[in-house]
Protein backbone atom coordinates (compact mmCIF):
# COMPACT_ATOMS: atom_id res chain seq x y z
CA UNK A 1 4.84 -45.78 140.73
CA UNK A 2 7.61 -48.41 140.47
CA UNK A 3 10.06 -47.16 138.04
CA UNK A 4 12.16 -43.92 138.28
CA UNK A 5 14.57 -42.36 135.86
CA UNK A 6 17.09 -39.96 137.40
CA UNK A 7 17.97 -37.48 134.70
CA UNK A 8 15.88 -36.07 131.83
CA UNK A 9 18.35 -35.77 129.20
CA UNK A 10 18.62 -37.65 125.74
CA UNK A 11 19.76 -40.77 127.74
CA UNK A 12 16.83 -40.84 129.98
CA UNK A 13 14.35 -39.85 127.20
CA UNK A 14 15.67 -42.81 125.08
CA UNK A 15 15.29 -45.13 128.00
CA UNK A 16 11.74 -43.92 128.85
CA UNK A 17 10.62 -44.50 125.16
CA UNK A 18 12.13 -48.05 125.29
CA UNK A 19 10.27 -48.75 128.48
CA UNK A 20 6.99 -47.44 127.08
CA UNK A 21 7.44 -49.53 123.95
CA UNK A 22 8.29 -52.49 126.02
CA UNK A 23 5.10 -52.45 127.80
CA UNK A 24 5.80 -50.55 130.97
CA UNK A 25 2.80 -48.47 131.95
CA UNK A 26 3.94 -44.48 131.54
CA UNK A 27 1.87 -43.96 134.62
CA UNK A 28 4.38 -46.19 136.65
CA UNK A 29 7.32 -44.01 135.66
CA UNK A 30 8.68 -41.09 137.40
CA UNK A 31 11.30 -38.91 135.70
CA UNK A 32 13.26 -36.69 137.82
CA UNK A 33 14.61 -33.64 135.76
CA UNK A 34 15.01 -29.85 136.32
CA UNK A 35 14.05 -29.42 132.51
CA UNK A 36 11.12 -30.60 130.53
CA UNK A 37 13.13 -30.68 127.04
CA UNK A 38 15.24 -33.81 126.82
CA UNK A 39 17.42 -32.07 124.22
CA UNK A 40 17.88 -28.82 126.26
CA UNK A 41 21.58 -29.52 127.35
CA UNK A 42 22.67 -30.97 124.10
CA UNK A 43 21.02 -28.23 122.02
CA UNK A 44 22.80 -25.60 123.95
CA UNK A 45 26.20 -27.47 123.39
CA UNK A 46 25.52 -27.98 119.68
CA UNK A 47 24.62 -24.25 119.35
CA UNK A 48 27.74 -23.07 121.17
CA UNK A 49 30.11 -24.84 118.63
CA UNK A 50 27.89 -24.13 115.65
CA UNK A 51 27.47 -27.80 115.05
CA UNK A 52 25.54 -28.52 111.72
CA UNK A 53 25.70 -32.32 111.45
CA UNK A 54 25.77 -35.23 113.82
CA UNK A 55 28.79 -37.46 114.39
CA UNK A 56 26.77 -40.52 115.10
CA UNK A 57 25.10 -41.93 112.10
CA UNK A 58 21.82 -43.66 111.20
CA UNK A 59 21.30 -45.26 114.69
CA UNK A 60 21.96 -41.97 116.48
CA UNK A 61 18.30 -41.36 117.48
CA UNK A 62 16.12 -41.83 120.53
CA UNK A 63 13.93 -44.51 119.08
CA UNK A 64 13.75 -47.88 121.01
CA UNK A 65 15.06 -49.95 118.17
CA UNK A 66 18.07 -49.09 115.80
CA UNK A 67 16.11 -50.06 112.75
CA UNK A 68 14.86 -48.23 110.97
CA UNK A 69 17.20 -45.51 111.75
CA UNK A 70 17.62 -41.97 110.35
CA UNK A 71 19.18 -43.18 107.14
CA UNK A 72 16.30 -45.28 106.30
CA UNK A 73 13.82 -42.40 107.00
CA UNK A 74 15.79 -40.03 104.96
CA UNK A 75 16.09 -42.66 101.98
CA UNK A 76 12.44 -42.96 101.90
CA UNK A 77 11.70 -39.26 102.11
CA UNK A 78 14.16 -38.27 99.54
CA UNK A 79 13.55 -41.56 97.49
CA UNK A 80 17.26 -42.25 97.23
CA UNK A 81 19.50 -45.14 98.24
CA UNK A 82 22.50 -42.63 99.04
CA UNK A 83 21.78 -42.23 102.73
CA UNK A 84 21.68 -46.10 103.06
CA UNK A 85 24.90 -46.51 101.11
CA UNK A 86 26.60 -43.84 103.38
CA UNK A 87 25.22 -45.43 106.58
CA UNK A 88 26.97 -48.90 105.55
CA UNK A 89 30.32 -46.96 105.42
CA UNK A 90 29.85 -44.99 108.38
CA UNK A 91 29.44 -41.85 106.41
CA UNK A 92 25.98 -41.02 107.07
CA UNK A 93 25.72 -37.77 109.40
CA UNK A 94 22.16 -36.37 109.65
CA UNK A 95 21.77 -32.75 110.11
CA UNK A 96 21.47 -31.27 113.68
CA UNK A 97 18.33 -29.59 112.53
CA UNK A 98 16.87 -33.15 111.38
CA UNK A 99 17.86 -34.80 114.51
CA UNK A 100 16.32 -32.12 116.96
CA UNK A 101 13.08 -32.31 114.70
CA UNK A 102 13.28 -36.15 115.38
CA UNK A 103 13.60 -35.48 119.21
CA UNK A 104 10.60 -32.74 119.23
CA UNK A 105 8.34 -35.10 117.25
CA UNK A 106 8.89 -37.97 119.87
CA UNK A 107 8.82 -35.41 122.92
CA UNK A 108 5.28 -34.17 121.83
CA UNK A 109 3.67 -37.36 121.44
CA UNK A 110 5.23 -39.51 124.19
CA UNK A 111 3.60 -38.12 127.34
CA UNK A 112 7.12 -37.46 128.46
CA UNK A 113 6.32 -33.97 130.16
CA UNK A 114 3.34 -35.65 132.36
CA UNK A 115 6.08 -37.99 133.82
CA UNK A 116 8.45 -35.22 134.83
CA UNK A 117 9.05 -34.33 138.60
CA UNK A 118 11.06 -31.07 138.35
CA UNK A 119 13.76 -31.94 140.93
CA UNK A 120 17.23 -32.83 140.89
CA UNK A 121 17.93 -35.92 143.05
CA UNK A 122 20.72 -35.69 145.52
CA UNK A 123 20.48 -38.87 147.32
CA UNK A 124 19.70 -42.47 146.49
CA UNK A 125 18.82 -44.66 149.58
CA UNK A 126 18.48 -48.51 149.48
CA UNK A 127 15.26 -49.55 151.29
CA UNK A 128 13.34 -52.73 151.47
CA UNK A 129 12.46 -53.81 148.07
CA UNK A 130 13.50 -50.70 146.33
CA UNK A 131 15.22 -47.13 146.51
CA UNK A 132 14.05 -43.83 148.15
CA UNK A 133 14.98 -40.83 146.13
CA UNK A 134 15.04 -37.62 148.38
CA UNK A 135 11.78 -38.76 150.11
CA UNK A 136 10.12 -39.89 146.97
CA UNK A 137 9.28 -43.58 146.34
CA UNK A 138 10.13 -46.39 147.13
CA UNK A 139 10.79 -47.22 143.51
CA UNK A 140 11.60 -50.92 142.72
CA UNK A 141 13.74 -50.00 139.83
CA UNK A 142 16.06 -46.96 139.26
CA UNK A 143 18.00 -45.95 136.07
CA UNK A 144 20.52 -43.15 136.75
CA UNK A 145 21.14 -41.06 133.53
CA UNK A 146 22.68 -37.79 135.06
CA UNK A 147 24.71 -37.21 131.95
CA UNK A 148 28.06 -35.50 131.71
CA UNK A 149 29.14 -33.97 135.18
CA UNK A 150 30.53 -30.81 133.96
CA UNK A 151 32.72 -29.02 131.40
CA UNK A 152 36.59 -29.77 131.63
CA UNK A 153 38.74 -26.69 131.73
CA UNK A 154 42.67 -27.09 132.03
CA UNK A 155 43.93 -25.90 135.29
CA UNK A 156 46.25 -23.28 133.81
CA UNK A 157 43.28 -21.63 131.94
CA UNK A 158 40.71 -21.39 134.72
CA UNK A 159 41.90 -17.92 135.68
CA UNK A 160 42.88 -16.81 132.08
CA UNK A 161 40.31 -13.79 131.15
CA UNK A 162 40.76 -14.82 127.37
CA UNK A 163 39.61 -18.41 128.13
CA UNK A 164 35.99 -19.85 127.14
CA UNK A 165 34.96 -23.41 126.94
CA UNK A 166 33.88 -24.54 123.33
CA UNK A 167 30.39 -25.62 124.85
CA UNK A 168 29.64 -22.14 126.29
CA UNK A 169 28.25 -19.36 124.00
CA UNK A 170 31.10 -17.31 122.30
CA UNK A 171 32.29 -15.57 119.10
CA UNK A 172 35.91 -15.38 117.71
CA UNK A 173 38.64 -13.08 118.31
CA UNK A 174 41.11 -11.89 115.46
CA UNK A 175 43.69 -14.83 116.72
CA UNK A 176 42.26 -17.89 118.47
CA UNK A 177 44.11 -20.73 120.43
CA UNK A 178 42.13 -23.74 120.45
CA UNK A 179 43.15 -26.23 123.04
CA UNK A 180 42.14 -30.02 122.45
CA UNK A 181 42.11 -32.46 119.50
CA UNK A 182 38.56 -33.84 119.36
CA UNK A 183 35.38 -33.30 117.37
CA UNK A 184 34.78 -29.94 119.22
CA UNK A 185 38.34 -28.80 118.60
CA UNK A 186 38.06 -29.62 114.95
CA UNK A 187 34.94 -27.94 114.62
CA UNK A 188 36.30 -24.88 116.37
CA UNK A 189 39.20 -24.69 113.94
CA UNK A 190 36.79 -24.47 111.04
CA UNK A 191 34.49 -21.94 112.85
CA UNK A 192 37.24 -19.60 113.73
CA UNK A 193 38.89 -19.87 110.32
CA UNK A 194 35.51 -18.99 108.63
CA UNK A 195 35.24 -15.99 110.85
CA UNK A 196 38.65 -14.59 109.42
CA UNK A 197 40.70 -15.43 112.44
CA UNK A 198 44.12 -16.84 112.61
CA UNK A 199 44.04 -20.33 114.43
CA UNK A 200 46.71 -22.04 116.74
CA UNK A 201 45.97 -25.66 117.52
CA UNK A 202 47.41 -26.66 120.87
CA UNK A 203 47.18 -30.51 121.47
CA UNK A 204 49.12 -33.10 123.51
CA UNK A 205 49.33 -35.54 120.63
CA UNK A 206 48.13 -35.97 117.00
CA UNK A 207 44.20 -36.36 117.20
CA UNK A 208 42.82 -39.90 115.91
CA UNK A 209 40.68 -39.84 112.82
CA UNK A 210 37.69 -42.24 112.97
CA UNK A 211 34.23 -42.10 111.76
CA UNK A 212 32.56 -42.85 115.08
CA UNK A 213 33.42 -42.24 118.76
CA UNK A 214 33.97 -45.77 119.46
CA UNK A 215 35.04 -48.40 116.81
CA UNK A 216 31.86 -50.40 115.75
CA UNK A 217 33.69 -53.68 116.69
CA UNK A 218 32.93 -52.75 120.29
CA UNK A 219 29.19 -52.41 119.69
CA UNK A 220 28.89 -55.99 118.40
CA UNK A 221 28.00 -58.95 120.45
CA UNK A 222 31.19 -60.47 119.90
CA UNK A 223 33.19 -57.59 120.74
CA UNK A 224 31.16 -56.90 123.99
CA UNK A 225 31.77 -60.42 125.06
CA UNK A 226 35.60 -60.05 124.49
CA UNK A 227 35.40 -56.62 126.46
CA UNK A 228 33.43 -58.05 129.36
CA UNK A 229 36.20 -60.71 129.98
CA UNK A 230 38.67 -58.06 130.58
CA UNK A 231 39.67 -57.72 134.31
CA UNK A 232 39.02 -54.17 135.75
CA UNK A 233 42.55 -52.75 134.96
CA UNK A 234 42.68 -54.09 131.43
CA UNK A 235 39.10 -52.68 130.85
CA UNK A 236 40.21 -49.21 132.27
CA UNK A 237 43.13 -49.08 129.95
CA UNK A 238 41.06 -50.13 126.76
CA UNK A 239 38.55 -47.44 127.59
CA UNK A 240 41.03 -44.87 128.01
CA UNK A 241 42.34 -45.70 124.78
CA UNK A 242 38.95 -45.93 122.88
CA UNK A 243 37.80 -42.55 124.25
CA UNK A 244 40.95 -40.68 123.07
CA UNK A 245 39.86 -37.48 121.30
CA UNK A 246 39.06 -37.97 117.63
CA UNK A 247 37.25 -36.67 114.80
CA UNK A 248 36.07 -38.10 111.43
CA UNK A 249 38.28 -38.25 108.39
CA UNK A 250 37.34 -36.53 105.31
CA UNK A 251 38.07 -33.65 102.86
CA UNK A 252 35.35 -31.59 104.59
CA UNK A 253 37.72 -31.36 107.70
CA UNK A 254 41.07 -31.19 105.93
CA UNK A 255 40.47 -28.92 102.89
CA UNK A 256 39.67 -25.70 104.89
CA UNK A 257 43.00 -26.09 107.09
CA UNK A 258 44.94 -26.50 103.67
CA UNK A 259 43.29 -23.58 102.34
CA UNK A 260 43.89 -21.39 105.48
CA UNK A 261 47.95 -21.85 104.96
CA UNK A 262 49.64 -19.96 107.45
CA UNK A 263 46.54 -18.91 109.18
CA UNK A 264 46.49 -22.31 110.85
CA UNK A 265 49.26 -23.79 112.63
CA UNK A 266 50.03 -26.29 115.52
CA UNK A 267 51.93 -25.25 118.64
CA UNK A 268 52.99 -27.08 121.70
CA UNK A 269 51.29 -24.48 124.39
CA UNK A 270 49.06 -21.63 124.71
CA UNK A 271 50.50 -18.26 123.44
CA UNK A 272 49.48 -14.70 123.15
CA UNK A 273 46.40 -15.12 121.05
CA UNK A 274 43.37 -12.66 121.67
CA UNK A 275 41.19 -15.65 122.49
CA UNK A 276 41.72 -19.20 124.05
CA UNK A 277 38.89 -21.80 123.45
CA UNK A 278 39.09 -24.79 125.76
CA UNK A 279 37.82 -27.76 123.52
CA UNK A 280 38.53 -30.17 126.17
CA UNK A 281 35.28 -31.85 126.62
CA UNK A 282 33.68 -33.03 129.91
CA UNK A 283 34.99 -33.85 133.43
CA UNK A 284 35.38 -37.61 133.64
CA UNK A 285 34.51 -39.97 136.57
CA UNK A 286 32.01 -40.51 139.23
CA UNK A 287 33.66 -38.35 141.78
CA UNK A 288 32.41 -35.14 139.64
CA UNK A 289 28.80 -36.42 139.98
CA UNK A 290 27.76 -35.59 143.50
CA UNK A 291 25.03 -38.20 143.42
CA UNK A 292 27.21 -40.92 142.17
CA UNK A 293 30.10 -39.84 144.55
CA UNK A 294 27.82 -40.11 147.52
CA UNK A 295 26.36 -43.45 146.50
CA UNK A 296 29.85 -44.96 146.16
CA UNK A 297 30.99 -43.51 149.52
CA UNK A 298 27.75 -44.52 151.41
CA UNK A 299 27.65 -48.17 150.05
CA UNK A 300 31.43 -48.72 149.45
CA UNK A 301 30.73 -49.54 145.72
CA UNK A 302 33.46 -51.10 143.62
CA UNK A 303 35.22 -48.70 141.27
CA UNK A 304 37.92 -49.02 138.64
CA UNK A 305 40.14 -46.00 138.57
CA UNK A 306 37.47 -43.16 137.97
CA UNK A 307 34.49 -45.46 136.95
CA UNK A 308 31.82 -47.39 138.55
CA UNK A 309 32.05 -51.16 138.26
CA UNK A 310 29.00 -52.39 136.52
CA UNK A 311 27.46 -55.71 135.58
CA UNK A 312 27.27 -56.15 131.79
CA UNK A 313 23.55 -55.12 131.92
CA UNK A 314 24.55 -51.73 133.47
CA UNK A 315 23.36 -52.60 137.04
CA UNK A 316 25.21 -51.75 140.23
CA UNK A 317 25.97 -55.37 141.62
CA UNK A 318 25.85 -54.42 145.15
CA UNK A 319 22.50 -52.79 145.08
CA UNK A 320 20.68 -55.02 142.58
CA UNK A 321 19.09 -58.22 143.34
CA UNK A 322 15.76 -60.02 142.42
CA UNK A 323 13.58 -57.40 143.99
CA UNK A 324 15.09 -54.19 142.97
CA UNK A 325 17.30 -52.64 140.33
CA UNK A 326 19.77 -49.86 140.34
CA UNK A 327 21.35 -49.24 136.88
CA UNK A 328 23.31 -46.44 135.30
CA UNK A 329 23.35 -45.28 131.61
CA UNK A 330 24.97 -42.39 129.82
CA UNK A 331 28.61 -41.62 130.26
CA UNK A 332 28.74 -43.28 133.80
CA UNK A 333 27.83 -46.53 132.33
CA UNK A 334 30.98 -46.80 130.08
CA UNK A 335 32.32 -49.88 132.27
CA UNK A 336 29.53 -51.87 131.13
CA UNK A 337 29.25 -50.33 127.46
CA UNK A 338 32.16 -48.67 126.05
CA UNK A 339 29.86 -46.23 123.82
CA UNK A 340 27.57 -45.79 126.85
CA UNK A 341 27.50 -41.95 126.03
CA UNK A 342 25.86 -42.28 122.81
CA UNK A 343 22.25 -42.85 121.92
CA UNK A 344 23.00 -46.43 120.84
CA UNK A 345 24.48 -46.74 124.46
CA UNK A 346 21.25 -45.31 126.10
CA UNK A 347 19.32 -47.74 123.94
CA UNK A 348 21.31 -50.74 125.17
CA UNK A 349 20.97 -49.65 128.63
CA UNK A 350 17.20 -49.11 128.21
CA UNK A 351 16.80 -52.51 126.93
CA UNK A 352 18.61 -54.15 129.70
CA UNK A 353 16.81 -52.10 132.31
CA UNK A 354 13.42 -52.90 130.59
CA UNK A 355 14.37 -56.77 131.08
CA UNK A 356 14.70 -56.05 134.73
CA UNK A 357 11.39 -54.12 135.00
CA UNK A 358 9.67 -57.05 133.19
CA UNK A 359 10.67 -59.87 135.27
CA UNK A 360 11.18 -58.38 138.78
């Protein structure tokens, strides 16, 4: 085998489908993953926050090409233009059930399970013409798709017996303090209110309201060229701004808060609520991923703040040449592609990786 995917989540799965559609023989691909189901981690998190609809819109799917997306498929199924009109305005949000059915149908017929090696890679070693992965290989081309490195819990909540992370299974107390201001936090406000609880929102600043995680301008060729021209410090500052917590605008989010009246309020700090929910997302940066941290240390790779410095095609410059490829996708690839932690980002990285596999 000449190609390895390190990580078997949705990003790795999307990259795998992209490679196969692009002509790479599945027999030449090894996927290192402790789980067979590519949606397993995502499914658990969505279930924990009772998520019902996707934030990403029509192109938030695992297929190798953006078009036709989920909106087109729903429009054909319903014989209605409404999903297409909603998609144009970034207002189309397929249900979680629809998305998971989509992943499962691809999973069953893709040959994915036959490519899985049930292991978690701890070390990548550069060797002549490729890379060794914990004694497996060598592989000429390696794509690292290890996903989010863990849940972020504020220091002052780690020993608090009332605290639970929003992405962990939980019910709701009579009074609930939700820490955070992004999509998970907004979802938890509505969940807790629906359960009959009083909800206190604790946030450092007012949340941004935008339909997509990253504004669409930064997903276009023109926007990306402008982004790539930024020096490392400027790019880091822009990423920090783009990745600020946000959730979509709309009456569906606002009306329940208005109806709640005094049962919903904003405060500056955690108070005496029965329950505290840390809707604070994930740990950020390569230092929280043992595989990437070791790789950076052993090969003295360039970093910018807490991110790996990557070329625009998501490759690691110091370890990629004409004979071999080491690339990164998912959240660790944001230096190359601002929305790398989305399915559109996984598709972008997958196509760039495919070009390397085809020509080297």
